Amino acid sequence: MDTERVWAYRVDEPHGSHGWRPHGGPSHRWRGRVTTESRSEDAKYVAALVVTDLVTEWKVNGISEQHVRVIVWAGEEGTGPEDAVFTLEIQPGVDGK
């Protein structure tokens, strides 16, 4: 049984009154595709992979938290969260903890 699926993802960051923009400026590191081989490896799984890489980079670079959202689409990248399969938003703690 063929269970391979292709997912597109993008990490966005807030851009003031303009809404959102791709995270990291012109870097394509936080935009790409992931191929999964099991039904349990769904859009949430792909978002978890991306978040794990983000948090690792933040720790290596001494960055504690950033406000970002990870958007995952089945197949090709869409426009935004409105046509995504899954969206996860990470917000820095407002209480300082």
C-alpha atoms as a PDB file:
ATOM      1  CA  MET A   1       0.000   0.000   0.000  1.00  0.00           C
ATOM      2  CA  ASP A   2       1.410   3.371  -1.053  1.00  0.00           C
ATOM      3  CA  THR A   3       1.094   5.840   1.849  1.00  0.00           C
ATOM      4  CA  GLU A   4       3.702   8.382   0.732  1.00  0.00           C
ATOM      5  CA  ARG A   5       2.483  11.990   0.909  1.00  0.00           C
ATOM      6  CA  VAL A   6       4.080  15.295   0.045  1.00  0.00           C
ATOM      7  CA  TRP A   7       3.527  18.305   2.279  1.00  0.00           C
ATOM      8  CA  ALA A   8       4.472  21.943   1.680  1.00  0.00           C
ATOM      9  CA  TYR A   9       5.274  24.207   4.616  1.00  0.00           C
ATOM     10  CA  ARG A  10       6.166  27.819   5.305  1.00  0.00           C
ATOM     11  CA  VAL A  11       7.107  29.680   8.472  1.00  0.00           C
ATOM     12  CA  ASP A  12       5.775  33.233   8.653  1.00  0.00           C
ATOM     13  CA  GLU A  13       6.482  36.045  11.104  1.00  0.00           C
ATOM     14  CA  PRO A  14       4.342  39.104  11.939  1.00  0.00           C
ATOM     15  CA  HIS A  15       5.034  42.183   9.861  1.00  0.00           C
ATOM     16  CA  GLY A  16       3.220  44.984  11.690  1.00  0.00           C
ATOM     17  CA  SER A  17       0.097  46.307  10.036  1.00  0.00           C
ATOM     18  CA  HIS A  18       1.084  44.518   6.814  1.00  0.00           C
ATOM     19  CA  GLY A  19       0.144  41.146   8.284  1.00  0.00           C
ATOM     20  CA  TRP A  20       2.683  38.334   7.864  1.00  0.00           C
ATOM     21  CA  ARG A  21       5.834  37.727   5.834  1.00  0.00           C
ATOM     22  CA  PRO A  22       8.081  34.683   5.356  1.00  0.00           C
ATOM     23  CA  HIS A  23      10.322  34.128   8.383  1.00  0.00           C
ATOM     24  CA  GLY A  24      14.034  34.830   8.015  1.00  0.00           C
ATOM     25  CA  GLY A  25      13.922  37.348   5.200  1.00  0.00           C
ATOM     26  CA  PRO A  26      15.063  36.030   1.827  1.00  0.00           C
ATOM     27  CA  SER A  27      16.105  32.658   3.275  1.00  0.00           C
ATOM     28  CA  HIS A  28      14.320  29.646   1.842  1.00  0.00           C
ATOM     29  CA  ARG A  29      15.199  27.506   4.852  1.00  0.00           C
ATOM     30  CA  TRP A  30      11.795  27.993   6.467  1.00  0.00           C
ATOM     31  CA  ARG A  31       9.844  27.168   3.348  1.00  0.00           C
ATOM     32  CA  GLY A  32       9.882  23.822   1.637  1.00  0.00           C
ATOM     33  CA  ARG A  33       8.495  20.344   1.194  1.00  0.00           C
ATOM     34  CA  VAL A  34       8.508  17.164   3.258  1.00  0.00           C
ATOM     35  CA  THR A  35       7.665  13.678   2.046  1.00  0.00           C
ATOM     36  CA  THR A  36       6.202  11.321   4.632  1.00  0.00           C
ATOM     37  CA  GLU A  37       5.810   7.570   4.361  1.00  0.00           C
ATOM     38  CA  SER A  38       3.186   6.680   6.967  1.00  0.00           C
ATOM     39  CA  ARG A  39      -0.400   7.723   7.631  1.00  0.00           C
ATOM     40  CA  SER A  40       0.572   8.755  11.154  1.00  0.00           C
ATOM     41  CA  GLU A  41       2.986  11.300   9.648  1.00  0.00           C
ATOM     42  CA  ASP A  42       0.343  13.907   8.910  1.00  0.00           C
ATOM     43  CA  ALA A  43       0.327  17.723   8.753  1.00  0.00           C
ATOM     44  CA  LYS A  44       0.737  17.978  12.539  1.00  0.00           C
ATOM     45  CA  TYR A  45       3.793  15.721  12.297  1.00  0.00           C
ATOM     46  CA  VAL A  46       5.318  17.975   9.617  1.00  0.00           C
ATOM     47  CA  ALA A  47       4.651  21.092  11.733  1.00  0.00           C
ATOM     48  CA  ALA A  48       6.348  19.368  14.697  1.00  0.00           C
ATOM     49  CA  LEU A  49       9.438  18.663  12.570  1.00  0.00           C
ATOM     50  CA  VAL A  50       9.640  22.309  11.510  1.00  0.00           C
ATOM     51  CA  VAL A  51       9.098  23.602  15.066  1.00  0.00           C
ATOM     52  CA  THR A  52      11.816  21.269  16.365  1.00  0.00           C
ATOM     53  CA  ASP A  53      14.266  22.759  13.848  1.00  0.00           C
ATOM     54  CA  LEU A  54      13.163  26.302  14.725  1.00  0.00           C
ATOM     55  CA  VAL A  55      13.585  25.802  18.474  1.00  0.00           C
ATOM     56  CA  THR A  56      16.975  24.158  17.963  1.00  0.00           C
ATOM     57  CA  GLU A  57      18.157  27.127  15.881  1.00  0.00           C
ATOM     58  CA  TRP A  58      16.834  29.588  18.456  1.00  0.00           C
ATOM     59  CA  LYS A  59      18.718  27.802  21.250  1.00  0.00           C
ATOM     60  CA  VAL A  60      21.959  27.638  19.244  1.00  0.00           C
ATOM     61  CA  ASN A  61      21.715  31.357  18.453  1.00  0.00           C
ATOM     62  CA  GLY A  62      20.677  32.365  21.977  1.00  0.00           C
ATOM     63  CA  ILE A  63      17.187  33.452  20.928  1.00  0.00           C
ATOM     64  CA  SER A  64      14.596  32.601  23.570  1.00  0.00           C
ATOM     65  CA  GLU A  65      11.323  32.975  21.679  1.00  0.00           C
ATOM     66  CA  GLN A  66       9.893  34.447  18.509  1.00  0.00           C
ATOM     67  CA  HIS A  67       6.367  34.956  17.246  1.00  0.00           C
ATOM     68  CA  VAL A  68       5.895  32.739  14.203  1.00  0.00           C
ATOM     69  CA  ARG A  69       3.328  30.541  12.541  1.00  0.00           C
ATOM     70  CA  VAL A  70       3.954  27.284  10.709  1.00  0.00           C
ATOM     71  CA  ILE A  71       1.578  26.608   7.832  1.00  0.00           C
ATOM     72  CA  VAL A  72       1.315  23.137   6.269  1.00  0.00           C
ATOM     73  CA  TRP A  73      -0.470  22.266   3.023  1.00  0.00           C
ATOM     74  CA  ALA A  74      -1.062  18.892   1.370  1.00  0.00           C
ATOM     75  CA  GLY A  75       0.875  18.821  -1.912  1.00  0.00           C
ATOM     76  CA  GLU A  76       1.640  22.320  -3.136  1.00  0.00           C
ATOM     77  CA  GLU A  77       2.058  25.497  -1.096  1.00  0.00           C
ATOM     78  CA  GLY A  78      -1.112  27.528  -0.892  1.00  0.00           C
ATOM     79  CA  THR A  79      -1.736  31.167  -0.143  1.00  0.00           C
ATOM     80  CA  GLY A  80      -1.995  31.158   3.631  1.00  0.00           C
ATOM     81  CA  PRO A  81      -3.675  29.507   6.584  1.00  0.00           C
ATOM     82  CA  GLU A  82      -7.085  29.782   4.940  1.00  0.00           C
ATOM     83  CA  ASP A  83      -6.243  26.967   2.508  1.00  0.00           C
ATOM     84  CA  ALA A  84      -3.863  25.026   4.780  1.00  0.00           C
ATOM     85  CA  VAL A  85      -4.390  21.611   6.300  1.00  0.00           C
ATOM     86  CA  PHE A  86      -2.801  22.728   9.567  1.00  0.00           C
ATOM     87  CA  THR A  87      -1.510  25.978  11.088  1.00  0.00           C
ATOM     88  CA  LEU A  88       0.409  26.316  14.329  1.00  0.00           C
ATOM     89  CA  GLU A  89       1.147  29.721  15.851  1.00  0.00           C
ATOM     90  CA  ILE A  90       3.882  30.193  18.445  1.00  0.00           C
ATOM     91  CA  GLN A  91       3.711  33.360  20.531  1.00  0.00           C
ATOM     92  CA  PRO A  92       6.277  34.516  23.069  1.00  0.00           C
ATOM     93  CA  GLY A  93       5.080  34.390  26.660  1.00  0.00           C
ATOM     94  CA  VAL A  94       3.570  37.686  27.721  1.00  0.00           C
ATOM     95  CA  ASP A  95       3.984  36.984  31.430  1.00  0.00           C
ATOM     96  CA  GLY A  96       7.764  36.591  31.226  1.00  0.00           C
ATOM     97  CA  LYS A  97       7.770  32.934  32.279  1.00  0.00           C
END
